[in-house]
Amino acid sequence: MRAEQASQSPWIKSRHCGASSTCVEVRRLPDGMVGVRGEHVSGATILVLDETSWRAFTDRIKSGAHDLTA
């Protein structure tokens, strides 16, 4: 999905991002899906997840499953 096809609801990001430009932004889409994009990438392709996939993804993030190791 292209950014211009997404709903007009605002893109939001975690308050934990601060000044970092490595965060992702999310937006609820009209059909109940969730759009995900890289911050500051206006017009880029959007990853679209259904509610079940979004919850599974965020649960894995919260559990540390996607943490980068040094």
Protein backbone atom coordinates (compact mmCIF):
# COMPACT_ATOMS: atom_id res chain seq x y z
CA MET A 1 0.00 0.00 0.00
CA ARG A 2 1.25 3.46 -0.79
CA ALA A 3 1.11 6.19 1.86
CA GLU A 4 -1.42 8.25 -0.07
CA GLN A 5 -3.86 5.30 0.05
CA ALA A 6 -3.84 5.13 3.85
CA SER A 7 -6.53 6.77 5.94
CA GLN A 8 -6.25 10.35 7.08
CA SER A 9 -5.81 9.37 10.73
CA PRO A 10 -2.49 10.62 12.09
CA TRP A 11 0.70 8.58 12.08
CA ILE A 12 1.84 7.99 15.66
CA LYS A 13 5.02 6.71 17.24
CA SER A 14 6.02 5.65 20.73
CA ARG A 15 6.80 8.35 23.24
CA HIS A 16 9.97 6.32 23.96
CA CYS A 17 11.40 7.26 20.54
CA GLY A 18 12.45 10.75 21.56
CA ALA A 19 14.61 12.42 18.92
CA SER A 20 15.58 9.09 17.34
CA SER A 21 14.86 8.74 13.65
CA THR A 22 14.96 4.95 13.82
CA CYS A 23 11.42 4.51 15.10
CA VAL A 24 8.44 3.28 13.16
CA GLU A 25 5.08 5.01 12.94
CA VAL A 26 1.69 3.31 12.97
CA ARG A 27 -1.75 4.29 11.77
CA ARG A 28 -5.17 2.67 12.02
CA LEU A 29 -6.62 2.13 8.56
CA PRO A 30 -10.33 2.38 7.71
CA ASP A 31 -10.78 -1.39 7.30
CA GLY A 32 -9.48 -2.22 10.79
CA MET A 33 -5.97 -2.94 9.56
CA VAL A 34 -2.83 -1.31 10.95
CA GLY A 35 -0.31 0.47 8.72
CA VAL A 36 3.37 0.53 9.73
CA ARG A 37 6.10 2.63 8.11
CA GLY A 38 9.58 3.90 8.84
CA GLU A 39 9.63 7.34 10.42
CA HIS A 40 10.36 10.22 8.00
CA VAL A 41 9.60 8.07 4.94
CA SER A 42 6.59 9.92 3.59
CA GLY A 43 5.29 8.30 0.41
CA ALA A 44 7.07 5.00 1.08
CA THR A 45 5.48 1.57 1.03
CA ILE A 46 3.46 0.74 4.13
CA LEU A 47 3.41 -2.66 5.81
CA VAL A 48 -0.25 -3.53 6.46
CA LEU A 49 -1.16 -5.97 9.24
CA ASP A 50 -4.50 -7.32 10.39
CA GLU A 51 -5.37 -6.93 14.08
CA THR A 52 -4.26 -10.46 15.03
CA SER A 53 -0.88 -10.09 13.31
CA TRP A 54 -0.39 -6.61 14.82
CA ARG A 55 -1.03 -7.92 18.34
CA ALA A 56 1.30 -10.90 17.82
CA PHE A 57 4.02 -8.58 16.47
CA THR A 58 3.76 -6.11 19.35
CA ASP A 59 3.67 -8.95 21.90
CA ARG A 60 6.93 -10.29 20.44
CA ILE A 61 8.50 -6.82 20.58
CA LYS A 62 7.48 -6.45 24.22
CA SER A 63 8.97 -9.86 25.04
CA GLY A 64 12.32 -8.83 23.54
CA ALA A 65 12.13 -11.32 20.66
CA HIS A 66 13.23 -8.66 18.16
CA ASP A 67 15.91 -6.95 20.27
CA LEU A 68 19.19 -6.41 18.46
CA THR A 69 22.26 -7.89 20.08
CA ALA A 70 25.56 -6.04 20.13
